[in-house]
Amino acid sequence: HLVYASSSSVYGINERMPFSTSDNVDHPISLYAASKK
């Protein structure tokens, strides 16, 4: 098993609350977020 750190920053400009793992996360707004995605 590999467990790894991602980040809430992957949600980017998504404004739908609360953030769900079923949401699209294709719009990061930092390179950090893009690296985690």
Full PDB file with SEQRES, HELIX, SHEET, SSBOND, CRYST1, ORIGX, SCALE, CONECT and MASTER records, all heavy atoms in Angstrom:
SEQRES   1 A   37  HIS LEU VAL TYR ALA SER SER SER SER VAL TYR GLY ILE          
SEQRES   2 A   37  ASN GLU ARG MET PRO PHE SER THR SER ASP ASN VAL ASP          
SEQRES   3 A   37  HIS PRO ILE SER LEU TYR ALA ALA SER LYS LYS                  
HELIX    1 AA1 SER A    8  TYR A   11  5                                   4    
HELIX    2 AA2 LEU A   31  LYS A   36  1                                   6    
CRYST1    1.000    1.000    1.000  90.00  90.00  90.00 P 1           1          
ORIGX1      1.000000  0.000000  0.000000        0.00000                         
ORIGX2      0.000000  1.000000  0.000000        0.00000                         
ORIGX3      0.000000  0.000000  1.000000        0.00000                         
SCALE1      1.000000  0.000000  0.000000        0.00000                         
SCALE2      0.000000  1.000000  0.000000        0.00000                         
SCALE3      0.000000  0.000000  1.000000        0.00000                         
ATOM      1  N   HIS A   1       0.852  -1.192   0.000  1.00  0.00           N  
ATOM      2  CA  HIS A   1       0.000   0.000   0.000  1.00  0.00           C  
ATOM      3  C   HIS A   1       0.885   1.238   0.000  1.00  0.00           C  
ATOM      4  O   HIS A   1       1.796   1.365   0.831  1.00  0.00           O  
ATOM      5  CB  HIS A   1      -0.910   0.012   1.233  1.00  0.00           C  
ATOM      6  CG  HIS A   1      -1.992   1.044   1.186  1.00  0.00           C  
ATOM      7  ND1 HIS A   1      -2.747   1.377   2.308  1.00  0.00           N  
ATOM      8  CD2 HIS A   1      -2.470   1.819   0.179  1.00  0.00           C  
ATOM      9  CE1 HIS A   1      -3.642   2.301   1.966  1.00  0.00           C  
ATOM     10  NE2 HIS A   1      -3.483   2.590   0.683  1.00  0.00           N  
ATOM     11  N   LEU A   2       0.622   2.138  -0.915  1.00  0.00           N  
ATOM     12  CA  LEU A   2       1.252   3.452  -0.930  1.00  0.00           C  
ATOM     13  C   LEU A   2       0.206   4.500  -0.565  1.00  0.00           C  
ATOM     14  O   LEU A   2      -0.780   4.671  -1.281  1.00  0.00           O  
ATOM     15  CB  LEU A   2       1.835   3.764  -2.309  1.00  0.00           C  
ATOM     16  CG  LEU A   2       2.254   5.229  -2.554  1.00  0.00           C  
ATOM     17  CD1 LEU A   2       3.377   5.650  -1.603  1.00  0.00           C  
ATOM     18  CD2 LEU A   2       2.659   5.448  -4.013  1.00  0.00           C  
ATOM     19  N   VAL A   3       0.423   5.182   0.549  1.00  0.00           N  
ATOM     20  CA  VAL A   3      -0.398   6.331   0.948  1.00  0.00           C  
ATOM     21  C   VAL A   3       0.444   7.575   0.700  1.00  0.00           C  
ATOM     22  O   VAL A   3       1.622   7.614   1.081  1.00  0.00           O  
ATOM     23  CB  VAL A   3      -0.802   6.244   2.431  1.00  0.00           C  
ATOM     24  CG1 VAL A   3      -1.561   7.496   2.861  1.00  0.00           C  
ATOM     25  CG2 VAL A   3      -1.640   5.000   2.687  1.00  0.00           C  
ATOM     26  N   TYR A   4      -0.129   8.580   0.057  1.00  0.00           N  
ATOM     27  CA  TYR A   4       0.665   9.756  -0.280  1.00  0.00           C  
ATOM     28  C   TYR A   4      -0.141  11.033  -0.045  1.00  0.00           C  
ATOM     29  O   TYR A   4      -1.368  11.032  -0.062  1.00  0.00           O  
ATOM     30  CB  TYR A   4       1.135   9.701  -1.741  1.00  0.00           C  
ATOM     31  CG  TYR A   4       0.015   9.676  -2.758  1.00  0.00           C  
ATOM     32  CD1 TYR A   4      -0.442  10.843  -3.362  1.00  0.00           C  
ATOM     33  CD2 TYR A   4      -0.613   8.479  -3.101  1.00  0.00           C  
ATOM     34  CE1 TYR A   4      -1.474  10.821  -4.280  1.00  0.00           C  
ATOM     35  CE2 TYR A   4      -1.648   8.441  -4.016  1.00  0.00           C  
ATOM     36  CZ  TYR A   4      -2.070   9.622  -4.605  1.00  0.00           C  
ATOM     37  OH  TYR A   4      -3.111   9.600  -5.505  1.00  0.00           O  
ATOM     38  N   ALA A   5       0.606  12.109   0.176  1.00  0.00           N  
ATOM     39  CA  ALA A   5      -0.013  13.407   0.455  1.00  0.00           C  
ATOM     40  C   ALA A   5      -0.415  14.094  -0.834  1.00  0.00           C  
ATOM     41  O   ALA A   5       0.415  14.344  -1.705  1.00  0.00           O  
ATOM     42  CB  ALA A   5       0.962  14.287   1.230  1.00  0.00           C  
ATOM     43  N   SER A   6      -1.696  14.411  -0.937  1.00  0.00           N  
ATOM     44  CA  SER A   6      -2.170  15.354  -1.936  1.00  0.00           C  
ATOM     45  C   SER A   6      -2.521  16.631  -1.175  1.00  0.00           C  
ATOM     46  O   SER A   6      -1.967  16.878  -0.102  1.00  0.00           O  
ATOM     47  CB  SER A   6      -3.358  14.794  -2.718  1.00  0.00           C  
ATOM     48  OG  SER A   6      -3.718  15.672  -3.765  1.00  0.00           O  
ATOM     49  N   SER A   7      -3.416  17.438  -1.694  1.00  0.00           N  
ATOM     50  CA  SER A   7      -3.692  18.725  -1.049  1.00  0.00           C  
ATOM     51  C   SER A   7      -5.058  19.250  -1.448  1.00  0.00           C  
ATOM     52  O   SER A   7      -5.524  19.011  -2.574  1.00  0.00           O  
ATOM     53  CB  SER A   7      -2.618  19.742  -1.452  1.00  0.00           C  
ATOM     54  OG  SER A   7      -2.973  21.050  -1.077  1.00  0.00           O  
ATOM     55  N   SER A   8      -5.666  20.003  -0.555  1.00  0.00           N  
ATOM     56  CA  SER A   8      -6.929  20.677  -0.874  1.00  0.00           C  
ATOM     57  C   SER A   8      -6.738  21.707  -1.978  1.00  0.00           C  
ATOM     58  O   SER A   8      -7.701  22.117  -2.634  1.00  0.00           O  
ATOM     59  CB  SER A   8      -7.501  21.366   0.367  1.00  0.00           C  
ATOM     60  OG  SER A   8      -6.612  22.376   0.845  1.00  0.00           O  
ATOM     61  N   SER A   9      -5.499  22.120  -2.224  1.00  0.00           N  
ATOM     62  CA  SER A   9      -5.246  23.123  -3.258  1.00  0.00           C  
ATOM     63  C   SER A   9      -5.589  22.615  -4.659  1.00  0.00           C  
ATOM     64  O   SER A   9      -5.732  23.425  -5.586  1.00  0.00           O  
ATOM     65  CB  SER A   9      -3.790  23.586  -3.219  1.00  0.00           C  
ATOM     66  OG  SER A   9      -2.920  22.536  -3.575  1.00  0.00           O  
ATOM     67  N   VAL A  10      -5.746  21.299  -4.839  1.00  0.00           N  
ATOM     68  CA  VAL A  10      -6.073  20.775  -6.174  1.00  0.00           C  
ATOM     69  C   VAL A  10      -7.444  21.270  -6.643  1.00  0.00           C  
ATOM     70  O   VAL A  10      -7.729  21.262  -7.842  1.00  0.00           O  
ATOM     71  CB  VAL A  10      -6.048  19.227  -6.217  1.00  0.00           C  
ATOM     72  CG1 VAL A  10      -4.668  18.708  -5.845  1.00  0.00           C  
ATOM     73  CG2 VAL A  10      -7.126  18.610  -5.353  1.00  0.00           C  
ATOM     74  N   TYR A  11      -8.299  21.708  -5.713  1.00  0.00           N  
ATOM     75  CA  TYR A  11      -9.640  22.164  -6.102  1.00  0.00           C  
ATOM     76  C   TYR A  11      -9.595  23.490  -6.853  1.00  0.00           C  
ATOM     77  O   TYR A  11     -10.569  23.858  -7.540  1.00  0.00           O  
ATOM     78  CB  TYR A  11     -10.552  22.248  -4.879  1.00  0.00           C  
ATOM     79  CG  TYR A  11     -10.919  20.873  -4.355  1.00  0.00           C  
ATOM     80  CD1 TYR A  11     -10.291  20.332  -3.238  1.00  0.00           C  
ATOM     81  CD2 TYR A  11     -11.872  20.102  -5.012  1.00  0.00           C  
ATOM     82  CE1 TYR A  11     -10.599  19.062  -2.780  1.00  0.00           C  
ATOM     83  CE2 TYR A  11     -12.196  18.834  -4.556  1.00  0.00           C  
ATOM     84  CZ  TYR A  11     -11.558  18.316  -3.446  1.00  0.00           C  
ATOM     85  OH  TYR A  11     -11.863  17.048  -3.009  1.00  0.00           O  
ATOM     86  N   GLY A  12      -8.496  24.231  -6.740  1.00  0.00           N  
ATOM     87  CA  GLY A  12      -8.283  25.410  -7.567  1.00  0.00           C  
ATOM     88  C   GLY A  12      -9.421  26.410  -7.514  1.00  0.00           C  
ATOM     89  O   GLY A  12      -9.859  26.827  -6.438  1.00  0.00           O  
ATOM     90  N   ILE A  13      -9.913  26.788  -8.708  1.00  0.00           N  
ATOM     91  CA  ILE A  13     -10.958  27.813  -8.766  1.00  0.00           C  
ATOM     92  C   ILE A  13     -12.364  27.235  -8.623  1.00  0.00           C  
ATOM     93  O   ILE A  13     -13.346  27.950  -8.805  1.00  0.00           O  
ATOM     94  CB  ILE A  13     -10.858  28.637 -10.068  1.00  0.00           C  
ATOM     95  CG1 ILE A  13     -10.952  27.727 -11.301  1.00  0.00           C  
ATOM     96  CG2 ILE A  13      -9.575  29.451 -10.098  1.00  0.00           C  
ATOM     97  CD1 ILE A  13     -10.972  28.503 -12.615  1.00  0.00           C  
ATOM     98  N   ASN A  14     -12.446  25.952  -8.294  1.00  0.00           N  
ATOM     99  CA  ASN A  14     -13.749  25.349  -8.015  1.00  0.00           C  
ATOM    100  C   ASN A  14     -14.404  26.059  -6.824  1.00  0.00           C  
ATOM    101  O   ASN A  14     -13.802  26.194  -5.763  1.00  0.00           O  
ATOM    102  CB  ASN A  14     -13.551  23.860  -7.690  1.00  0.00           C  
ATOM    103  CG  ASN A  14     -14.838  23.165  -7.288  1.00  0.00           C  
ATOM    104  OD1 ASN A  14     -15.924  23.586  -7.669  1.00  0.00           O  
ATOM    105  ND2 ASN A  14     -14.710  22.109  -6.511  1.00  0.00           N  
ATOM    106  N   GLU A  15     -15.615  26.521  -6.970  1.00  0.00           N  
ATOM    107  CA  GLU A  15     -16.316  27.225  -5.889  1.00  0.00           C  
ATOM    108  C   GLU A  15     -17.487  26.423  -5.327  1.00  0.00           C  
ATOM    109  O   GLU A  15     -18.229  26.922  -4.482  1.00  0.00           O  
ATOM    110  CB  GLU A  15     -16.812  28.585  -6.403  1.00  0.00           C  
ATOM    111  CG  GLU A  15     -15.675  29.538  -6.761  1.00  0.00           C  
ATOM    112  CD  GLU A  15     -16.177  30.898  -7.195  1.00  0.00           C  
ATOM    113  OE1 GLU A  15     -17.426  31.083  -7.280  1.00  0.00           O  
ATOM    114  OE2 GLU A  15     -15.339  31.787  -7.444  1.00  0.00           O  
ATOM    115  N   ARG A  16     -17.658  25.198  -5.765  1.00  0.00           N  
ATOM    116  CA  ARG A  16     -18.726  24.363  -5.236  1.00  0.00           C  
ATOM    117  C   ARG A  16     -18.320  23.829  -3.864  1.00  0.00           C  
ATOM    118  O   ARG A  16     -17.277  23.197  -3.726  1.00  0.00           O  
ATOM    119  CB  ARG A  16     -18.987  23.200  -6.191  1.00  0.00           C  
ATOM    120  CG  ARG A  16     -20.092  22.260  -5.754  1.00  0.00           C  
ATOM    121  CD  ARG A  16     -20.288  21.173  -6.804  1.00  0.00           C  
ATOM    122  NE  ARG A  16     -21.275  20.202  -6.387  1.00  0.00           N  
ATOM    123  CZ  ARG A  16     -21.644  19.166  -7.121  1.00  0.00           C  
ATOM    124  NH1 ARG A  16     -21.087  18.966  -8.309  1.00  0.00           N  
ATOM    125  NH2 ARG A  16     -22.556  18.326  -6.683  1.00  0.00           N  
ATOM    126  N   MET A  17     -19.112  24.119  -2.863  1.00  0.00           N  
ATOM    127  CA  MET A  17     -18.796  23.749  -1.486  1.00  0.00           C  
ATOM    128  C   MET A  17     -19.835  22.771  -0.934  1.00  0.00           C  
ATOM    129  O   MET A  17     -21.013  22.903  -1.241  1.00  0.00           O  
ATOM    130  CB  MET A  17     -18.743  24.998  -0.592  1.00  0.00           C  
ATOM    131  CG  MET A  17     -17.661  25.992  -0.987  1.00  0.00           C  
ATOM    132  SD  MET A  17     -16.045  25.470  -0.433  1.00  0.00           S  
ATOM    133  CE  MET A  17     -15.038  26.790  -1.115  1.00  0.00           C  
ATOM    134  N   PRO A  18     -19.436  21.838  -0.058  1.00  0.00           N  
ATOM    135  CA  PRO A  18     -18.051  21.521   0.285  1.00  0.00           C  
ATOM    136  C   PRO A  18     -17.345  20.794  -0.856  1.00  0.00           C  
ATOM    137  O   PRO A  18     -17.987  20.187  -1.712  1.00  0.00           O  
ATOM    138  CB  PRO A  18     -18.204  20.614   1.507  1.00  0.00           C  
ATOM    139  CG  PRO A  18     -19.533  19.940   1.315  1.00  0.00           C  
ATOM    140  CD  PRO A  18     -20.408  20.976   0.660  1.00  0.00           C  
ATOM    141  N   PHE A  19     -16.012  20.848  -0.843  1.00  0.00           N  
ATOM    142  CA  PHE A  19     -15.238  20.169  -1.870  1.00  0.00           C  
ATOM    143  C   PHE A  19     -15.421  18.659  -1.747  1.00  0.00           C  
ATOM    144  O   PHE A  19     -15.253  18.088  -0.670  1.00  0.00           O  
ATOM    145  CB  PHE A  19     -13.746  20.485  -1.722  1.00  0.00           C  
ATOM    146  CG  PHE A  19     -13.387  21.918  -1.989  1.00  0.00           C  
ATOM    147  CD1 PHE A  19     -12.293  22.492  -1.358  1.00  0.00           C  
ATOM    148  CD2 PHE A  19     -14.116  22.695  -2.870  1.00  0.00           C  
ATOM    149  CE1 PHE A  19     -11.929  23.803  -1.605  1.00  0.00           C  
ATOM    150  CE2 PHE A  19     -13.769  24.013  -3.129  1.00  0.00           C  
ATOM    151  CZ  PHE A  19     -12.671  24.574  -2.488  1.00  0.00           C  
ATOM    152  N   SER A  20     -15.730  18.014  -2.855  1.00  0.00           N  
ATOM    153  CA  SER A  20     -15.930  16.564  -2.881  1.00  0.00           C  
ATOM    154  C   SER A  20     -14.911  15.918  -3.802  1.00  0.00           C  
ATOM    155  O   SER A  20     -14.532  16.494  -4.840  1.00  0.00           O  
ATOM    156  CB  SER A  20     -17.348  16.238  -3.363  1.00  0.00           C  
ATOM    157  OG  SER A  20     -17.473  14.856  -3.661  1.00  0.00           O  
ATOM    158  N   THR A  21     -14.474  14.724  -3.460  1.00  0.00           N  
ATOM    159  CA  THR A  21     -13.533  14.002  -4.319  1.00  0.00           C  
ATOM    160  C   THR A  21     -14.188  13.602  -5.639  1.00  0.00           C  
ATOM    161  O   THR A  21     -13.493  13.174  -6.567  1.00  0.00           O  
ATOM    162  CB  THR A  21     -12.992  12.753  -3.617  1.00  0.00           C  
ATOM    163  OG1 THR A  21     -14.079  11.927  -3.193  1.00  0.00           O  
ATOM    164  CG2 THR A  21     -12.145  13.139  -2.411  1.00  0.00           C  
ATOM    165  N   SER A  22     -15.489  13.738  -5.735  1.00  0.00           N  
ATOM    166  CA  SER A  22     -16.191  13.477  -6.997  1.00  0.00           C  
ATOM    167  C   SER A  22     -16.202  14.696  -7.915  1.00  0.00           C  
ATOM    168  O   SER A  22     -16.636  14.603  -9.062  1.00  0.00           O  
ATOM    169  CB  SER A  22     -17.637  13.030  -6.726  1.00  0.00           C  
ATOM    170  OG  SER A  22     -17.656  11.798  -6.029  1.00  0.00           O  
ATOM    171  N   ASP A  23     -15.742  15.836  -7.406  1.00  0.00           N  
ATOM    172  CA  ASP A  23     -15.706  17.060  -8.204  1.00  0.00           C  
ATOM    173  C   ASP A  23     -14.558  17.024  -9.211  1.00  0.00           C  
ATOM    174  O   ASP A  23     -13.519  16.379  -8.992  1.00  0.00           O  
ATOM    175  CB  ASP A  23     -15.508  18.288  -7.300  1.00  0.00           C  
ATOM    176  CG  ASP A  23     -16.704  18.570  -6.423  1.00  0.00           C  
ATOM    177  OD1 ASP A  23     -17.796  18.070  -6.729  1.00  0.00           O  
ATOM    178  OD2 ASP A  23     -16.537  19.300  -5.416  1.00  0.00           O  
ATOM    179  N   ASN A  24     -14.726  17.766 -10.301  1.00  0.00           N  
ATOM    180  CA  ASN A  24     -13.656  17.970 -11.264  1.00  0.00           C  
ATOM    181  C   ASN A  24     -12.577  18.865 -10.654  1.00  0.00           C  
ATOM    182  O   ASN A  24     -12.884  19.873 -10.020  1.00  0.00           O  
ATOM    183  CB  ASN A  24     -14.234  18.618 -12.521  1.00  0.00           C  
ATOM    184  CG  ASN A  24     -13.185  18.906 -13.570  1.00  0.00           C  
ATOM    185  OD1 ASN A  24     -12.370  19.795 -13.409  1.00  0.00           O  
ATOM    186  ND2 ASN A  24     -13.229  18.168 -14.666  1.00  0.00           N  
ATOM    187  N   VAL A  25     -11.319  18.485 -10.824  1.00  0.00           N  
ATOM    188  CA  VAL A  25     -10.218  19.299 -10.276  1.00  0.00           C  
ATOM    189  C   VAL A  25      -9.184  19.581 -11.376  1.00  0.00           C  
ATOM    190  O   VAL A  25      -7.987  19.411 -11.191  1.00  0.00           O  
ATOM    191  CB  VAL A  25      -9.542  18.621  -9.062  1.00  0.00           C  
ATOM    192  CG1 VAL A  25     -10.455  18.679  -7.854  1.00  0.00           C  
ATOM    193  CG2 VAL A  25      -9.157  17.181  -9.360  1.00  0.00           C  
ATOM    194  N   ASP A  26      -9.666  20.032 -12.501  1.00  0.00           N  
ATOM    195  CA  ASP A  26      -8.801  20.283 -13.653  1.00  0.00           C  
ATOM    196  C   ASP A  26      -8.394  21.740 -13.800  1.00  0.00           C  
ATOM    197  O   ASP A  26      -7.874  22.134 -14.845  1.00  0.00           O  
ATOM    198  CB  ASP A  26      -9.493  19.835 -14.947  1.00  0.00           C  
ATOM    199  CG  ASP A  26      -9.583  18.324 -15.047  1.00  0.00           C  
ATOM    200  OD1 ASP A  26      -8.794  17.639 -14.362  1.00  0.00           O  
ATOM    201  OD2 ASP A  26     -10.444  17.831 -15.798  1.00  0.00           O  
ATOM    202  N   HIS A  27      -8.623  22.562 -12.767  1.00  0.00           N  
ATOM    203  CA  HIS A  27      -8.300  23.987 -12.874  1.00  0.00           C  
ATOM    204  C   HIS A  27      -7.496  24.467 -11.665  1.00  0.00           C  
ATOM    205  O   HIS A  27      -7.939  25.337 -10.909  1.00  0.00           O  
ATOM    206  CB  HIS A  27      -9.582  24.809 -13.040  1.00  0.00           C  
ATOM    207  CG  HIS A  27     -10.353  24.454 -14.275  1.00  0.00           C  
ATOM    208  ND1 HIS A  27     -11.296  23.450 -14.286  1.00  0.00           N  
ATOM    209  CD2 HIS A  27     -10.291  24.936 -15.538  1.00  0.00           C  
ATOM    210  CE1 HIS A  27     -11.801  23.350 -15.510  1.00  0.00           C  
ATOM    211  NE2 HIS A  27     -11.208  24.231 -16.279  1.00  0.00           N  
ATOM    212  N   PRO A  28      -6.292  23.918 -11.463  1.00  0.00           N  
ATOM    213  CA  PRO A  28      -5.445  24.400 -10.365  1.00  0.00           C  
ATOM    214  C   PRO A  28      -4.962  25.815 -10.648  1.00  0.00           C  
ATOM    215  O   PRO A  28      -4.889  26.241 -11.805  1.00  0.00           O  
ATOM    216  CB  PRO A  28      -4.270  23.407 -10.370  1.00  0.00           C  
ATOM    217  CG  PRO A  28      -4.212  22.917 -11.787  1.00  0.00           C  
ATOM    218  CD  PRO A  28      -5.645  22.867 -12.257  1.00  0.00           C  
ATOM    219  N   ILE A  29      -4.610  26.550  -9.591  1.00  0.00           N  
ATOM    220  CA  ILE A  29      -4.160  27.928  -9.779  1.00  0.00           C  
ATOM    221  C   ILE A  29      -2.783  28.177  -9.154  1.00  0.00           C  
ATOM    222  O   ILE A  29      -2.401  29.315  -8.910  1.00  0.00           O  
ATOM    223  CB  ILE A  29      -5.195  28.951  -9.245  1.00  0.00           C  
ATOM    224  CG1 ILE A  29      -5.543  28.690  -7.778  1.00  0.00           C  
ATOM    225  CG2 ILE A  29      -6.447  28.920 -10.105  1.00  0.00           C  
ATOM    226  CD1 ILE A  29      -6.443  29.770  -7.186  1.00  0.00           C  
ATOM    227  N   SER A  30      -2.047  27.110  -8.890  1.00  0.00           N  
ATOM    228  CA  SER A  30      -0.645  27.226  -8.478  1.00  0.00           C  
ATOM    229  C   SER A  30       0.082  25.986  -8.965  1.00  0.00           C  
ATOM    230  O   SER A  30      -0.536  24.929  -9.173  1.00  0.00           O  
ATOM    231  CB  SER A  30      -0.519  27.345  -6.950  1.00  0.00           C  
ATOM    232  OG  SER A  30      -0.842  26.115  -6.316  1.00  0.00           O  
ATOM    233  N   LEU A  31       1.387  26.115  -9.147  1.00  0.00           N  
ATOM    234  CA  LEU A  31       2.172  24.957  -9.576  1.00  0.00           C  
ATOM    235  C   LEU A  31       2.180  23.888  -8.491  1.00  0.00           C  
ATOM    236  O   LEU A  31       2.222  22.686  -8.787  1.00  0.00           O  
ATOM    237  CB  LEU A  31       3.600  25.369  -9.928  1.00  0.00           C  
ATOM    238  CG  LEU A  31       4.449  24.256 -10.530  1.00  0.00           C  
ATOM    239  CD1 LEU A  31       3.877  23.795 -11.874  1.00  0.00           C  
ATOM    240  CD2 LEU A  31       5.895  24.694 -10.702  1.00  0.00           C  
ATOM    241  N   TYR A  32       2.149  24.321  -7.231  1.00  0.00           N  
ATOM    242  CA  TYR A  32       2.051  23.345  -6.134  1.00  0.00           C  
ATOM    243  C   TYR A  32       0.813  22.476  -6.316  1.00  0.00           C  
ATOM    244  O   TYR A  32       0.882  21.238  -6.253  1.00  0.00           O  
ATOM    245  CB  TYR A  32       2.004  24.070  -4.789  1.00  0.00           C  
ATOM    246  CG  TYR A  32       1.685  23.159  -3.630  1.00  0.00           C  
ATOM    247  CD1 TYR A  32       2.560  22.149  -3.250  1.00  0.00           C  
ATOM    248  CD2 TYR A  32       0.496  23.301  -2.911  1.00  0.00           C  
ATOM    249  CE1 TYR A  32       2.265  21.300  -2.186  1.00  0.00           C  
ATOM    250  CE2 TYR A  32       0.195  22.465  -1.853  1.00  0.00           C  
ATOM    251  CZ  TYR A  32       1.083  21.459  -1.494  1.00  0.00           C  
ATOM    252  OH  TYR A  32       0.781  20.629  -0.441  1.00  0.00           O  
ATOM    253  N   ALA A  33      -0.337  23.103  -6.550  1.00  0.00           N  
ATOM    254  CA  ALA A  33      -1.577  22.359  -6.756  1.00  0.00           C  
ATOM    255  C   ALA A  33      -1.468  21.445  -7.980  1.00  0.00           C  
ATOM    256  O   ALA A  33      -1.904  20.284  -7.947  1.00  0.00           O  
ATOM    257  CB  ALA A  33      -2.750  23.320  -6.921  1.00  0.00           C  
ATOM    258  N   ALA A  34      -0.876  21.957  -9.051  1.00  0.00           N  
ATOM    259  CA  ALA A  34      -0.727  21.149 -10.263  1.00  0.00           C  
ATOM    260  C   ALA A  34       0.158  19.939 -10.008  1.00  0.00           C  
ATOM    261  O   ALA A  34      -0.099  18.843 -10.524  1.00  0.00           O  
ATOM    262  CB  ALA A  34      -0.139  22.004 -11.386  1.00  0.00           C  
ATOM    263  N   SER A  35       1.195  20.108  -9.185  1.00  0.00           N  
ATOM    264  CA  SER A  35       2.076  18.975  -8.881  1.00  0.00           C  
ATOM    265  C   SER A  35       1.342  17.911  -8.072  1.00  0.00           C  
ATOM    266  O   SER A  35       1.563  16.714  -8.256  1.00  0.00           O  
ATOM    267  CB  SER A  35       3.330  19.457  -8.138  1.00  0.00           C  
ATOM    268  OG  SER A  35       3.057  19.820  -6.799  1.00  0.00           O  
ATOM    269  N   LYS A  36       0.455  18.333  -7.172  1.00  0.00           N  
ATOM    270  CA  LYS A  36      -0.297  17.374  -6.367  1.00  0.00           C  
ATOM    271  C   LYS A  36      -1.355  16.647  -7.205  1.00  0.00           C  
ATOM    272  O   LYS A  36      -1.588  15.448  -7.038  1.00  0.00           O  
ATOM    273  CB  LYS A  36      -0.935  18.088  -5.175  1.00  0.00           C  
ATOM    274  CG  LYS A  36       0.068  18.493  -4.112  1.00  0.00           C  
ATOM    275  CD  LYS A  36       0.819  17.278  -3.608  1.00  0.00           C  
ATOM    276  CE  LYS A  36       1.801  17.575  -2.516  1.00  0.00           C  
ATOM    277  NZ  LYS A  36       2.483  16.352  -2.051  1.00  0.00           N  
ATOM    278  N   LYS A  37      -2.014  17.368  -8.100  1.00  0.00           N  
ATOM    279  CA  LYS A  37      -2.935  16.717  -9.024  1.00  0.00           C  
ATOM    280  C   LYS A  37      -2.184  15.719  -9.907  1.00  0.00           C  
ATOM    281  O   LYS A  37      -2.673  14.618 -10.194  1.00  0.00           O  
ATOM    282  CB  LYS A  37      -3.646  17.767  -9.878  1.00  0.00           C  
ATOM    283  CG  LYS A  37      -4.506  17.192 -11.003  1.00  0.00           C  
ATOM    284  CD  LYS A  37      -5.600  16.264 -10.494  1.00  0.00           C  
ATOM    285  CE  LYS A  37      -6.461  15.761 -11.663  1.00  0.00           C  
ATOM    286  NZ  LYS A  37      -7.419  14.730 -11.223  1.00  0.00           N  
TER     287      LYS A  37                                                      
MASTER        0    0    0    2    0    0    0    6  286    1    0    3          
END                                                                             
